[in-house]
Amino acid sequence: VQLVESGGGLVQPGGSLRLSCAASGFTFGTYAMNWHRQAPGKQRELVSAITSTGRPTYYADSVKGRFTISRDNAKNTVYLQMNSLQPEDTAVYYCGAPRDSYWGQGTQVTVSS
């Protein structure tokens, strides 16, 4: 099983990033997928989730209206579109398949001027 995140980086406040998570080694299309994040000195928190079919979705209050989760089951990939990024969004972002505790290694997102 592999989950490989990409798309992180340094962005100015107000900017956008699109994270991708490529999955392999399991039947991706049957799994709900999550994005979590962990900022320095803080606990990992759930940012967004999506069912195996793509609906419904869940967003933490802190990102609602700014982030959009989606998936392409044909490509075994889940995405997180992040708009209007703020410094408090700085964290390592992880994708995961919580049903079997599959997790990626994370991608760093830094929002700073």
C-alpha atoms as a PDB file:
ATOM      1  CA  VAL A   1       0.000   0.000   0.000  1.00  0.00           C
ATOM      2  CA  GLN A   2       1.264   3.442  -0.907  1.00  0.00           C
ATOM      3  CA  LEU A   3      -0.157   6.925  -0.536  1.00  0.00           C
ATOM      4  CA  VAL A   4       2.037   9.627  -2.027  1.00  0.00           C
ATOM      5  CA  GLU A   5       1.168  13.271  -1.462  1.00  0.00           C
ATOM      6  CA  SER A   6       2.420  16.064  -3.672  1.00  0.00           C
ATOM      7  CA  GLY A   7       1.708  19.701  -4.416  1.00  0.00           C
ATOM      8  CA  GLY A   8       2.833  21.319  -1.207  1.00  0.00           C
ATOM      9  CA  GLY A   9       5.152  24.293  -1.049  1.00  0.00           C
ATOM     10  CA  LEU A  10       5.563  27.892  -0.023  1.00  0.00           C
ATOM     11  CA  VAL A  11       2.755  30.299  -0.887  1.00  0.00           C
ATOM     12  CA  GLN A  12       1.892  33.838   0.100  1.00  0.00           C
ATOM     13  CA  PRO A  13      -1.219  34.597   2.159  1.00  0.00           C
ATOM     14  CA  GLY A  14      -4.243  34.615  -0.088  1.00  0.00           C
ATOM     15  CA  GLY A  15      -2.666  32.184  -2.498  1.00  0.00           C
ATOM     16  CA  SER A  16      -3.719  28.722  -3.612  1.00  0.00           C
ATOM     17  CA  LEU A  17      -2.296  25.244  -3.751  1.00  0.00           C
ATOM     18  CA  ARG A  18      -3.646  21.941  -5.002  1.00  0.00           C
ATOM     19  CA  LEU A  19      -2.537  18.846  -3.149  1.00  0.00           C
ATOM     20  CA  SER A  20      -2.692  15.422  -4.769  1.00  0.00           C
ATOM     21  CA  CYS A  21      -2.510  11.995  -3.201  1.00  0.00           C
ATOM     22  CA  ALA A  22      -1.801   9.043  -5.463  1.00  0.00           C
ATOM     23  CA  ALA A  23      -2.868   5.696  -4.056  1.00  0.00           C
ATOM     24  CA  SER A  24      -1.794   2.186  -4.922  1.00  0.00           C
ATOM     25  CA  GLY A  25      -1.928  -1.286  -3.472  1.00  0.00           C
ATOM     26  CA  PHE A  26      -5.572  -1.301  -2.430  1.00  0.00           C
ATOM     27  CA  THR A  27      -8.986  -0.884  -4.033  1.00  0.00           C
ATOM     28  CA  PHE A  28      -9.003   2.890  -3.852  1.00  0.00           C
ATOM     29  CA  GLY A  29     -12.483   3.272  -5.261  1.00  0.00           C
ATOM     30  CA  THR A  30     -14.036   1.489  -2.283  1.00  0.00           C
ATOM     31  CA  TYR A  31     -12.371   3.608   0.404  1.00  0.00           C
ATOM     32  CA  ALA A  32     -13.362   6.881   1.979  1.00  0.00           C
ATOM     33  CA  MET A  33     -10.365   9.211   2.042  1.00  0.00           C
ATOM     34  CA  ASN A  34      -9.299  11.968   4.405  1.00  0.00           C
ATOM     35  CA  TRP A  35      -6.899  14.854   4.509  1.00  0.00           C
ATOM     36  CA  HIS A  36      -5.376  15.672   7.882  1.00  0.00           C
ATOM     37  CA  ARG A  37      -2.814  18.275   8.832  1.00  0.00           C
ATOM     38  CA  GLN A  38      -0.383  18.767  11.661  1.00  0.00           C
ATOM     39  CA  ALA A  39       1.153  22.093  12.541  1.00  0.00           C
ATOM     40  CA  PRO A  40       4.296  22.357  14.687  1.00  0.00           C
ATOM     41  CA  GLY A  41       3.452  21.770  18.335  1.00  0.00           C
ATOM     42  CA  LYS A  42      -0.162  20.878  17.589  1.00  0.00           C
ATOM     43  CA  GLN A  43      -2.151  17.696  17.293  1.00  0.00           C
ATOM     44  CA  ARG A  44      -3.030  16.253  13.918  1.00  0.00           C
ATOM     45  CA  GLU A  45      -6.463  17.448  12.869  1.00  0.00           C
ATOM     46  CA  LEU A  46      -8.971  16.292  10.284  1.00  0.00           C
ATOM     47  CA  VAL A  47      -9.279  18.858   7.509  1.00  0.00           C
ATOM     48  CA  SER A  48     -11.564  17.187   5.010  1.00  0.00           C
ATOM     49  CA  ALA A  49     -13.059  13.837   4.063  1.00  0.00           C
ATOM     50  CA  ILE A  50     -14.755  12.291   1.067  1.00  0.00           C
ATOM     51  CA  THR A  51     -16.706   9.088   0.653  1.00  0.00           C
ATOM     52  CA  SER A  52     -15.786   6.404  -1.849  1.00  0.00           C
ATOM     53  CA  THR A  53     -18.297   7.791  -4.358  1.00  0.00           C
ATOM     54  CA  GLY A  54     -17.338  11.431  -3.883  1.00  0.00           C
ATOM     55  CA  ARG A  55     -20.428  12.514  -1.962  1.00  0.00           C
ATOM     56  CA  PRO A  56     -20.938  13.543   0.735  1.00  0.00           C
ATOM     57  CA  THR A  57     -17.879  15.498   1.825  1.00  0.00           C
ATOM     58  CA  TYR A  58     -16.795  16.954   5.148  1.00  0.00           C
ATOM     59  CA  TYR A  59     -14.797  20.068   6.003  1.00  0.00           C
ATOM     60  CA  ALA A  60     -13.459  21.389   9.271  1.00  0.00           C
ATOM     61  CA  ASP A  61     -14.948  24.755  10.150  1.00  0.00           C
ATOM     62  CA  SER A  62     -11.534  26.367   9.780  1.00  0.00           C
ATOM     63  CA  VAL A  63     -11.331  25.526   6.063  1.00  0.00           C
ATOM     64  CA  LYS A  64     -14.975  25.497   5.012  1.00  0.00           C
ATOM     65  CA  GLY A  65     -15.544  27.669   1.967  1.00  0.00           C
ATOM     66  CA  ARG A  66     -11.817  27.779   1.141  1.00  0.00           C
ATOM     67  CA  PHE A  67     -10.827  24.141   0.594  1.00  0.00           C
ATOM     68  CA  THR A  68     -12.377  21.603  -1.764  1.00  0.00           C
ATOM     69  CA  ILE A  69     -11.809  17.879  -1.649  1.00  0.00           C
ATOM     70  CA  SER A  70     -12.338  15.715  -4.716  1.00  0.00           C
ATOM     71  CA  ARG A  71     -11.296  12.369  -6.115  1.00  0.00           C
ATOM     72  CA  ASP A  72     -10.760  10.609  -9.405  1.00  0.00           C
ATOM     73  CA  ASN A  73     -11.282   6.906  -8.887  1.00  0.00           C
ATOM     74  CA  ALA A  74     -10.035   6.159 -12.398  1.00  0.00           C
ATOM     75  CA  LYS A  75      -6.698   7.697 -11.441  1.00  0.00           C
ATOM     76  CA  ASN A  76      -6.641   6.426  -7.841  1.00  0.00           C
ATOM     77  CA  THR A  77      -6.084   9.993  -6.695  1.00  0.00           C
ATOM     78  CA  VAL A  78      -7.630  12.312  -4.140  1.00  0.00           C
ATOM     79  CA  TYR A  79      -7.146  16.066  -4.278  1.00  0.00           C
ATOM     80  CA  LEU A  80      -7.361  19.016  -1.929  1.00  0.00           C
ATOM     81  CA  GLN A  81      -7.786  22.406  -3.583  1.00  0.00           C
ATOM     82  CA  MET A  82      -6.793  25.077  -1.085  1.00  0.00           C
ATOM     83  CA  ASN A  83      -7.700  28.696  -1.764  1.00  0.00           C
ATOM     84  CA  SER A  84      -7.341  31.876   0.279  1.00  0.00           C
ATOM     85  CA  LEU A  85      -4.529  30.302   2.261  1.00  0.00           C
ATOM     86  CA  GLN A  86      -3.593  31.882   5.548  1.00  0.00           C
ATOM     87  CA  PRO A  87      -0.520  31.530   7.794  1.00  0.00           C
ATOM     88  CA  GLU A  88      -2.553  29.361  10.168  1.00  0.00           C
ATOM     89  CA  ASP A  89      -2.899  26.809   7.356  1.00  0.00           C
ATOM     90  CA  THR A  90       0.827  26.110   7.601  1.00  0.00           C
ATOM     91  CA  ALA A  91       1.251  22.431   8.392  1.00  0.00           C
ATOM     92  CA  VAL A  92       2.229  19.065   7.041  1.00  0.00           C
ATOM     93  CA  TYR A  93      -0.746  17.691   5.137  1.00  0.00           C
ATOM     94  CA  TYR A  94      -1.396  13.953   5.096  1.00  0.00           C
ATOM     95  CA  CYS A  95      -3.839  11.936   3.087  1.00  0.00           C
ATOM     96  CA  GLY A  96      -5.223   8.756   4.531  1.00  0.00           C
ATOM     97  CA  ALA A  97      -7.628   5.902   4.190  1.00  0.00           C
ATOM     98  CA  PRO A  98      -8.851   5.684   7.764  1.00  0.00           C
ATOM     99  CA  ARG A  99     -10.704   2.388   7.411  1.00  0.00           C
ATOM    100  CA  ASP A 100      -7.407   0.485   7.405  1.00  0.00           C
ATOM    101  CA  SER A 101      -5.175   3.248   8.788  1.00  0.00           C
ATOM    102  CA  TYR A 102      -3.295   3.805   5.530  1.00  0.00           C
ATOM    103  CA  TRP A 103      -1.374   7.078   5.619  1.00  0.00           C
ATOM    104  CA  GLY A 104       1.020   8.926   3.396  1.00  0.00           C
ATOM    105  CA  GLN A 105       4.252  10.590   4.403  1.00  0.00           C
ATOM    106  CA  GLY A 106       2.861  14.076   4.130  1.00  0.00           C
ATOM    107  CA  THR A 107       3.597  17.214   2.174  1.00  0.00           C
ATOM    108  CA  GLN A 108       4.624  20.533   3.720  1.00  0.00           C
ATOM    109  CA  VAL A 109       2.471  23.584   3.148  1.00  0.00           C
ATOM    110  CA  THR A 110       3.912  26.900   4.289  1.00  0.00           C
ATOM    111  CA  VAL A 111       1.928  30.111   4.022  1.00  0.00           C
ATOM    112  CA  SER A 112       4.111  33.132   4.563  1.00  0.00           C
ATOM    113  CA  SER A 113       4.919  36.487   3.061  1.00  0.00           C
END
